Amino acid sequence: MTLAPLLDHDQEMPELQGHAIGFVDTQADCDAVIQALNSAGFSDGMIAVLNGDNGIRLLTRMMAGSLWGEAAEDLMKQGVIELTHGHFALTVEARDRDEALAIADACANHGGHGFSYFGELTDERLTR
C-alpha cells in the first residue's frame, strides 16, 4: 500500500470537523483511491487510513465528544462493520463541501463508498 494504516498508540486524533470519511473494501481499492486522491491534489499528510481493531479504536477516538448526532452515529456504526470485515476507512481533510465532493468523486471511481462530510455547521452523506 502507498499509505499504511495507522496503528493505535493512544495518539490524539483530529476533530471530526473538516473531514470527509468513507470506506474501501480491499487493499487494491485503497491503493487506487489514495493514488486518485494524490492526483487530485490531496497529499498523503491529508489522508489517514484506518483498518482492523486499531482503526475502530482510532475512529472511536476521532468521534469522541462529537456533537454531530445521527450522521456521526451512522458513520460510526458503519465504520465498525466495515473495519470488522477487514475493509478500510479513509479520513481526508476537506476545507469545505466542494472539496469533500471532489474527494468523494475521486474515491467513488475506485471503489470508495459511504463517504460523509463533516463541515463547520453541517454534515452530509455524499455517497452510498
Protein backbone atom coordinates (compact mmCIF):
# COMPACT_ATOMS: atom_id res chain seq x y z
CA MET A 1 0.00 0.00 0.00
CA THR A 2 1.11 3.51 -0.65
CA LEU A 3 -0.09 4.62 2.80
CA ALA A 4 -0.03 2.19 5.72
CA PRO A 5 -2.99 2.02 8.12
CA LEU A 6 -2.41 3.95 11.33
CA LEU A 7 -1.52 1.99 14.44
CA ASP A 8 -3.15 2.95 17.72
CA HIS A 9 -0.62 4.35 20.17
CA ASP A 10 -3.20 6.31 22.17
CA GLN A 11 -2.39 9.31 19.98
CA GLU A 12 -4.80 12.20 19.64
CA MET A 13 -6.96 12.09 16.57
CA PRO A 14 -8.06 15.19 14.68
CA GLU A 15 -11.54 16.54 15.22
CA LEU A 16 -14.31 15.19 13.03
CA GLN A 17 -14.99 18.66 11.64
CA GLY A 18 -13.21 19.36 8.37
CA HIS A 19 -13.03 15.76 7.17
CA ALA A 20 -14.57 13.55 4.53
CA ILE A 21 -14.72 9.97 5.79
CA GLY A 22 -15.58 6.85 3.83
CA PHE A 23 -14.68 3.26 3.09
CA VAL A 24 -13.00 0.94 0.61
CA ASP A 25 -13.23 -2.83 0.65
CA THR A 26 -9.82 -4.08 -0.45
CA GLN A 27 -6.17 -3.14 -0.25
CA ALA A 28 -6.09 -2.75 -4.04
CA ASP A 29 -9.06 -0.34 -3.87
CA CYS A 30 -7.35 1.53 -1.04
CA ASP A 31 -4.18 1.92 -3.11
CA ALA A 32 -6.18 3.11 -6.14
CA VAL A 33 -8.17 5.60 -4.04
CA ILE A 34 -5.03 7.05 -2.45
CA GLN A 35 -3.41 7.40 -5.87
CA ALA A 36 -6.55 9.13 -7.20
CA LEU A 37 -6.61 11.47 -4.19
CA ASN A 38 -2.92 12.29 -4.66
CA SER A 39 -3.55 13.02 -8.34
CA ALA A 40 -6.43 15.31 -7.33
CA GLY A 41 -4.07 17.32 -5.09
CA PHE A 42 -4.62 15.68 -1.70
CA SER A 43 -1.26 14.85 -0.12
CA ASP A 44 -0.59 11.77 1.98
CA GLY A 45 -0.44 14.09 5.00
CA MET A 46 -4.13 14.92 4.49
CA ILE A 47 -5.17 11.26 4.39
CA ALA A 48 -5.38 8.70 7.19
CA VAL A 49 -6.05 5.02 6.57
CA LEU A 50 -7.75 3.01 9.31
CA ASN A 51 -8.05 -0.77 9.44
CA GLY A 52 -9.00 -3.52 11.89
CA ASP A 53 -9.17 -3.13 15.66
CA ASN A 54 -6.66 -0.27 15.57
CA GLY A 55 -8.93 1.52 13.11
CA ILE A 56 -12.01 1.01 15.28
CA ARG A 57 -10.23 2.49 18.30
CA LEU A 58 -8.88 5.43 16.28
CA LEU A 59 -12.24 6.15 14.64
CA THR A 60 -13.94 5.97 18.03
CA ARG A 61 -11.43 8.44 19.42
CA MET A 62 -11.93 10.76 16.43
CA MET A 63 -15.69 10.68 17.04
CA ALA A 64 -15.39 11.15 20.82
CA GLY A 65 -17.01 14.31 22.04
CA SER A 66 -18.74 14.79 18.71
CA LEU A 67 -21.99 16.70 18.87
CA TRP A 68 -22.96 15.61 15.40
CA GLY A 69 -25.88 13.35 16.22
CA GLU A 70 -27.33 10.87 13.74
CA ALA A 71 -24.80 11.32 10.93
CA ALA A 72 -21.86 10.64 13.22
CA GLU A 73 -23.65 7.72 14.87
CA ASP A 74 -24.44 6.20 11.46
CA LEU A 75 -20.86 6.65 10.31
CA MET A 76 -19.52 5.05 13.50
CA LYS A 77 -21.87 2.06 13.15
CA GLN A 78 -20.91 1.59 9.51
CA GLY A 79 -17.25 2.06 10.41
CA VAL A 80 -17.32 -0.74 12.97
CA ILE A 81 -18.97 -3.08 10.45
CA GLU A 82 -16.55 -2.16 7.66
CA LEU A 83 -13.42 -2.39 9.80
CA THR A 84 -14.55 -5.65 11.44
CA HIS A 85 -14.86 -7.16 7.95
CA GLY A 86 -11.28 -6.21 7.09
CA HIS A 87 -12.20 -3.19 5.00
CA PHE A 88 -10.54 0.22 5.24
CA ALA A 89 -11.76 3.62 6.42
CA LEU A 90 -10.23 6.75 4.95
CA THR A 91 -10.32 10.15 6.59
CA VAL A 92 -9.36 13.03 4.33
CA GLU A 93 -9.01 16.68 5.32
CA ALA A 94 -11.56 18.81 3.48
CA ARG A 95 -11.78 22.60 3.75
CA ASP A 96 -15.37 22.76 2.54
CA ARG A 97 -18.22 20.84 0.92
CA ASP A 98 -16.84 21.35 -2.60
CA GLU A 99 -13.53 19.80 -1.60
CA ALA A 100 -15.38 16.94 0.12
CA LEU A 101 -17.36 16.32 -3.08
CA ALA A 102 -14.10 16.18 -5.05
CA ILE A 103 -12.80 13.63 -2.55
CA ALA A 104 -15.97 11.51 -2.76
CA ASP A 105 -15.94 11.62 -6.57
CA ALA A 106 -12.28 10.59 -6.82
CA CYS A 107 -12.88 7.75 -4.38
CA ALA A 108 -16.13 6.52 -5.95
CA ASN A 109 -14.34 5.92 -9.25
CA HIS A 110 -12.04 3.44 -7.48
CA GLY A 111 -14.31 1.53 -5.12
CA GLY A 112 -14.81 4.14 -2.40
CA HIS A 113 -18.25 4.23 -0.79
CA GLY A 114 -20.17 5.58 2.18
CA PHE A 115 -18.42 8.95 2.20
CA SER A 116 -19.72 11.65 4.53
CA TYR A 117 -18.55 15.21 5.05
CA PHE A 118 -18.42 16.89 8.43
CA GLY A 119 -18.21 20.65 7.97
CA GLU A 120 -18.29 23.60 10.31
CA LEU A 121 -22.07 23.75 10.64
CA THR A 122 -23.29 20.75 8.70
CA ASP A 123 -22.77 17.12 7.98
CA GLU A 124 -23.80 15.31 4.85
CA ARG A 125 -23.72 11.83 3.39
CA LEU A 126 -22.12 12.22 -0.05
CA THR A 127 -22.11 8.66 -1.43
CA ARG A 128 -23.83 5.38 -0.69
